Amino acid sequence: MKIEVLEKDEATLRIIVKEADVPLMNALRRVALAEVPCMAIDEVVMIENSSILQDEMIAHRLGLSPLKTDLDNYNLPEECECKSEFGCSQCRVTLTLDAESLEGTRTVYSGELVSENPDIVPVSDKIPIIKLAKGQKLKLEAYARLGKGKVHAKWQPVCVCAYKYYPKIEVPTEKCSDCQKCVDICPKKVLTLKGDKVEVRDLLACILCMDCVELCPKKDQGIKVGWEKNDFIMNIESTGALPPERILHEATKLLDKQFNEFEEQLKVEVP
């Protein structure tokens, strides 16, 4: 297997994976979505709430606010040595919020959450939680834990994790009076017209919609769009909880662990 990085920053990772197959790519996608753990607020204790929103609504909004995650120093609750339903410093992080509107209406943002661990904080300070009118107050304690996306979407570390086949386009070498139509119909502007001939401007942008193929009047001798059977383009967009490369790394580790467990269960003792 060969991997080539096309694009990488704090939130996104786009790679080419060569010499792979669909089952492997789909397994990586599903593990990244459902098995890679991240931090999220799981329980909220309301101390005072005089706002118009019910406690459950506020707790729901807090739970869906992504938190930066430290996988190296925290355990999943079911794997922690404390074995306590309340958790401990190795599997739980406490965040507090004490907001009040003294003059007029104001918005309470995620940046007002105070965490006992400065490394476990909301990924953005500008996530709106609630609006308070004059005289209203919101005071609470929230408890964040590691969890998995298969239990609840708030524990998904990615907002996008998808793959597609690596496209392959063959353009005709002969002049055609209708080439401009094939260029114009492409939704991703993959093709361009230079002189009297069609050229591929951005191959990786192709979504294999086949619009240009269906419009081409030459049919068998016209534009041909296909894909490489064992090559893929994978796109990962993180919520900010974990770097995208860490998500992919953890997904491969978990997939390898599951394969080993499956192999062990297949072993049969021979008398």
Protein backbone atom coordinates (compact mmCIF):
# COMPACT_ATOMS: atom_id res chain seq x y z
CA MET A 1 0.00 0.00 0.00
CA LYS A 2 1.21 3.49 -0.85
CA ILE A 3 -0.06 6.76 0.64
CA GLU A 4 0.40 10.25 -0.74
CA VAL A 5 -0.70 13.36 1.17
CA LEU A 6 -2.56 15.84 -1.02
CA GLU A 7 -3.68 18.33 1.61
CA LYS A 8 -3.12 18.65 5.33
CA ASP A 9 -3.86 21.26 7.97
CA GLU A 10 -5.22 21.39 11.52
CA ALA A 11 -8.72 20.30 10.52
CA THR A 12 -8.48 18.37 7.23
CA LEU A 13 -6.46 15.58 5.70
CA ARG A 14 -6.75 14.48 2.06
CA ILE A 15 -4.71 11.53 0.90
CA ILE A 16 -4.31 9.16 -2.03
CA VAL A 17 -4.29 5.48 -1.04
CA LYS A 18 -2.91 3.14 -3.69
CA GLU A 19 -2.96 -0.66 -3.90
CA ALA A 20 -5.89 -0.98 -1.46
CA ASP A 21 -9.44 -2.29 -1.84
CA VAL A 22 -12.98 -1.22 -0.98
CA PRO A 23 -13.40 -3.42 2.16
CA LEU A 24 -10.26 -1.94 3.73
CA MET A 25 -11.19 1.65 2.90
CA ASN A 26 -14.72 1.19 4.21
CA ALA A 27 -13.41 -0.44 7.39
CA LEU A 28 -11.12 2.53 8.04
CA ARG A 29 -14.00 4.94 7.41
CA ARG A 30 -16.36 3.13 9.78
CA VAL A 31 -13.75 2.76 12.54
CA ALA A 32 -12.87 6.47 12.33
CA LEU A 33 -16.56 7.35 12.67
CA ALA A 34 -17.63 4.86 15.30
CA GLU A 35 -14.62 3.58 17.25
CA VAL A 36 -12.00 6.33 17.64
CA PRO A 37 -12.78 7.93 21.05
CA CYS A 38 -12.88 11.62 21.86
CA MET A 39 -13.99 13.84 24.75
CA ALA A 40 -17.54 15.17 25.11
CA ILE A 41 -19.68 16.44 27.96
CA ASP A 42 -21.79 13.53 29.18
CA GLU A 43 -23.38 14.77 32.41
CA VAL A 44 -24.45 18.23 33.55
CA VAL A 45 -25.42 19.30 37.08
CA MET A 46 -27.56 22.45 37.05
CA ILE A 47 -26.93 24.65 40.07
CA GLU A 48 -29.02 27.60 38.90
CA ASN A 49 -30.93 28.15 35.66
CA SER A 50 -33.28 31.09 35.34
CA SER A 51 -33.08 31.20 31.53
CA ILE A 52 -35.96 30.32 29.20
CA LEU A 53 -34.31 27.04 28.10
CA GLN A 54 -34.91 23.81 29.99
CA ASP A 55 -31.99 22.06 31.69
CA GLU A 56 -32.08 19.21 29.17
CA MET A 57 -31.81 21.57 26.20
CA ILE A 58 -28.75 23.28 27.65
CA ALA A 59 -27.14 19.92 28.48
CA HIS A 60 -27.77 18.77 24.90
CA ARG A 61 -26.10 21.87 23.46
CA LEU A 62 -23.11 21.44 25.76
CA GLY A 63 -22.75 17.78 24.79
CA LEU A 64 -22.62 18.64 21.09
CA SER A 65 -19.89 21.27 21.59
CA PRO A 66 -16.65 19.46 20.57
CA LEU A 67 -13.81 19.41 23.09
CA LYS A 68 -10.08 19.10 22.47
CA THR A 69 -9.04 15.59 23.43
CA ASP A 70 -6.00 14.06 25.12
CA LEU A 71 -6.03 10.33 24.36
CA ASP A 72 -2.68 9.72 26.02
CA ASN A 73 -3.62 10.78 29.56
CA TYR A 74 -7.27 9.71 29.84
CA ASN A 75 -8.99 6.32 29.83
CA LEU A 76 -12.34 5.21 28.55
CA PRO A 77 -14.67 4.91 31.59
CA GLU A 78 -15.16 1.18 31.03
CA GLU A 79 -11.38 0.64 30.93
CA CYS A 80 -10.41 2.89 33.87
CA GLU A 81 -9.04 1.27 37.03
CA CYS A 82 -11.38 3.31 39.25
CA LYS A 83 -14.41 1.29 38.09
CA SER A 84 -16.59 4.08 39.48
CA GLU A 85 -19.78 5.41 37.89
CA PHE A 86 -18.69 8.89 38.99
CA GLY A 87 -15.27 8.63 37.36
CA CYS A 88 -11.89 9.89 38.53
CA SER A 89 -9.12 12.24 37.38
CA GLN A 90 -7.98 9.60 34.87
CA CYS A 91 -11.30 9.29 33.05
CA ARG A 92 -13.27 12.48 33.77
CA VAL A 93 -12.80 16.23 33.36
CA THR A 94 -14.91 18.83 35.17
CA LEU A 95 -15.94 22.07 33.48
CA THR A 96 -17.87 24.88 35.18
CA LEU A 97 -19.96 27.74 33.88
CA ASP A 98 -21.14 30.76 35.86
CA ALA A 99 -22.81 33.36 33.62
CA GLU A 100 -25.21 36.18 34.39
CA SER A 101 -26.73 39.03 32.40
CA LEU A 102 -26.55 42.27 34.36
CA GLU A 103 -27.54 44.67 31.61
CA GLY A 104 -29.66 43.80 28.59
CA THR A 105 -29.56 40.53 26.63
CA ARG A 106 -26.27 38.73 26.10
CA THR A 107 -25.08 35.48 24.55
CA VAL A 108 -23.16 32.94 26.60
CA TYR A 109 -20.39 31.31 24.56
CA SER A 110 -18.37 28.13 24.98
CA GLY A 111 -15.31 30.21 25.85
CA GLU A 112 -16.89 30.92 29.24
CA LEU A 113 -16.59 27.25 30.24
CA VAL A 114 -13.76 26.86 32.76
CA SER A 115 -12.00 23.48 32.65
CA GLU A 116 -9.94 21.92 35.42
CA ASN A 117 -7.56 20.78 32.66
CA PRO A 118 -6.46 23.58 30.30
CA ASP A 119 -5.86 20.96 27.58
CA ILE A 120 -9.51 19.81 27.60
CA VAL A 121 -11.44 22.87 26.43
CA PRO A 122 -13.97 23.62 23.64
CA VAL A 123 -12.36 23.66 20.19
CA SER A 124 -13.82 27.13 19.67
CA ASP A 125 -14.58 29.96 22.09
CA LYS A 126 -17.41 31.22 19.87
CA ILE A 127 -19.95 28.36 20.08
CA PRO A 128 -23.21 29.94 21.36
CA ILE A 129 -24.77 28.08 24.28
CA ILE A 130 -27.66 30.29 25.36
CA LYS A 131 -28.97 33.86 25.42
CA LEU A 132 -29.68 35.42 28.79
CA ALA A 133 -32.03 38.34 29.34
CA LYS A 134 -31.39 40.95 32.02
CA GLY A 135 -31.37 39.36 35.45
CA GLN A 136 -31.15 35.76 34.19
CA LYS A 137 -28.37 33.46 35.38
CA LEU A 138 -26.88 30.11 34.42
CA LYS A 139 -24.59 28.20 36.77
CA LEU A 140 -23.61 24.58 36.23
CA GLU A 141 -20.99 21.84 36.44
CA ALA A 142 -20.35 19.63 33.41
CA TYR A 143 -18.45 16.35 33.32
CA ALA A 144 -16.65 15.29 30.14
CA ARG A 145 -15.61 11.72 29.37
CA LEU A 146 -14.12 9.76 26.50
CA GLY A 147 -16.66 7.93 24.38
CA LYS A 148 -17.23 6.40 20.96
CA GLY A 149 -19.34 7.54 18.05
CA LYS A 150 -21.25 4.25 17.93
CA VAL A 151 -22.81 5.22 21.28
CA HIS A 152 -23.62 8.86 20.44
CA ALA A 153 -22.77 11.28 17.64
CA LYS A 154 -21.24 13.75 20.12
CA TRP A 155 -18.31 11.34 20.44
CA GLN A 156 -17.54 11.29 16.72
CA PRO A 157 -14.13 12.95 16.15
CA VAL A 158 -14.91 13.64 12.48
CA CYS A 159 -17.55 15.64 10.66
CA VAL A 160 -16.51 14.12 7.32
CA CYS A 161 -14.80 10.80 6.67
CA ALA A 162 -15.27 9.61 3.10
CA TYR A 163 -13.43 8.08 0.17
CA LYS A 164 -13.90 7.81 -3.58
CA TYR A 165 -12.23 5.99 -6.43
CA TYR A 166 -9.24 7.64 -8.07
CA PRO A 167 -10.67 8.94 -11.37
CA LYS A 168 -9.32 8.16 -14.84
CA ILE A 169 -10.27 10.32 -17.84
CA GLU A 170 -9.46 9.81 -21.51
CA VAL A 171 -10.20 12.70 -23.86
CA PRO A 172 -10.49 12.40 -27.67
CA THR A 173 -7.54 13.51 -29.74
CA GLU A 174 -9.65 14.57 -32.73
CA LYS A 175 -11.34 17.93 -33.11
CA CYS A 176 -15.04 18.10 -32.22
CA SER A 177 -17.47 21.00 -32.65
CA ASP A 178 -19.36 20.12 -29.44
CA CYS A 179 -16.39 19.97 -27.05
CA GLN A 180 -17.38 23.21 -25.34
CA LYS A 181 -20.66 21.62 -24.23
CA CYS A 182 -18.81 18.77 -22.48
CA VAL A 183 -16.59 21.30 -20.72
CA ASP A 184 -19.49 23.48 -19.59
CA ILE A 185 -21.65 20.66 -18.21
CA CYS A 186 -19.00 19.42 -15.75
CA PRO A 187 -20.14 20.54 -12.25
CA LYS A 188 -16.60 20.52 -10.88
CA LYS A 189 -14.92 22.19 -13.89
CA VAL A 190 -12.59 19.24 -14.37
CA LEU A 191 -12.23 19.83 -18.10
CA THR A 192 -11.03 22.83 -20.05
CA LEU A 193 -10.86 23.68 -23.75
CA LYS A 194 -7.50 24.66 -25.19
CA GLY A 195 -7.69 25.50 -28.85
CA ASP A 196 -9.92 22.85 -30.40
CA LYS A 197 -9.16 20.08 -27.91
CA VAL A 198 -10.44 19.12 -24.47
CA GLU A 199 -7.86 18.80 -21.69
CA VAL A 200 -8.12 17.65 -18.10
CA ARG A 201 -7.68 20.68 -15.82
CA ASP A 202 -8.19 19.07 -12.37
CA LEU A 203 -8.38 15.26 -12.42
CA LEU A 204 -8.81 14.82 -8.65
CA ALA A 205 -11.90 17.04 -8.61
CA CYS A 206 -13.82 14.55 -10.78
CA ILE A 207 -16.80 13.02 -8.95
CA LEU A 208 -17.49 10.42 -11.67
CA CYS A 209 -20.93 11.89 -12.45
CA MET A 210 -20.58 10.89 -16.15
CA ASP A 211 -22.40 14.03 -17.37
CA CYS A 212 -19.71 14.74 -19.96
CA VAL A 213 -19.81 11.14 -21.20
CA GLU A 214 -23.60 11.18 -21.63
CA LEU A 215 -23.50 14.52 -23.49
CA CYS A 216 -20.59 13.63 -25.78
CA PRO A 217 -21.99 12.97 -29.32
CA LYS A 218 -19.08 10.72 -30.31
CA LYS A 219 -19.95 8.07 -27.70
CA ASP A 220 -17.38 5.25 -28.23
CA GLN A 221 -14.78 7.65 -29.65
CA GLY A 222 -15.49 10.50 -27.25
CA ILE A 223 -14.65 11.26 -23.63
CA LYS A 224 -14.19 8.20 -21.41
CA VAL A 225 -14.43 8.44 -17.63
CA GLY A 226 -13.52 5.57 -15.32
CA TRP A 227 -11.57 4.85 -12.17
CA GLU A 228 -8.55 2.99 -10.90
CA LYS A 229 -9.80 -0.21 -9.27
CA ASN A 230 -7.34 -0.23 -6.36
CA ASP A 231 -6.63 3.48 -5.90
CA PHE A 232 -8.69 5.84 -3.71
CA ILE A 233 -8.88 9.42 -2.50
CA MET A 234 -9.75 9.70 1.21
CA ASN A 235 -10.92 12.89 2.89
CA ILE A 236 -11.01 13.35 6.67
CA GLU A 237 -12.34 16.50 8.32
CA SER A 238 -11.93 16.68 12.09
CA THR A 239 -14.32 18.37 14.51
CA GLY A 240 -11.20 19.78 16.18
CA ALA A 241 -11.21 17.20 18.97
CA LEU A 242 -8.19 15.43 17.45
CA PRO A 243 -5.83 16.20 14.56
CA PRO A 244 -7.00 14.35 11.42
CA GLU A 245 -3.75 12.40 11.11
CA ARG A 246 -4.16 11.20 14.73
CA ILE A 247 -7.70 10.05 13.93
CA LEU A 248 -6.45 7.98 10.99
CA HIS A 249 -3.57 6.59 13.08
CA GLU A 250 -5.94 5.55 15.89
CA ALA A 251 -8.33 4.01 13.34
CA THR A 252 -5.57 1.80 11.92
CA LYS A 253 -4.52 0.73 15.45
CA LEU A 254 -8.09 -0.18 16.39
CA LEU A 255 -8.65 -2.04 13.13
CA ASP A 256 -5.45 -4.03 13.68
CA LYS A 257 -6.59 -4.85 17.23
CA GLN A 258 -9.97 -6.06 15.98
CA PHE A 259 -8.31 -8.26 13.36
CA ASN A 260 -6.08 -9.82 16.05
CA GLU A 261 -9.07 -10.48 18.32
CA PHE A 262 -10.95 -12.06 15.42
CA GLU A 263 -7.95 -14.25 14.60
CA GLU A 264 -7.68 -15.41 18.22
CA GLN A 265 -11.35 -16.37 18.30
CA LEU A 266 -10.93 -18.43 15.13
CA LYS A 267 -8.23 -20.59 16.68
CA VAL A 268 -9.43 -24.04 17.63
CA GLU A 269 -7.47 -26.29 19.96
CA VAL A 270 -6.57 -29.56 18.32
CA PRO A 271 -6.60 -32.53 20.78
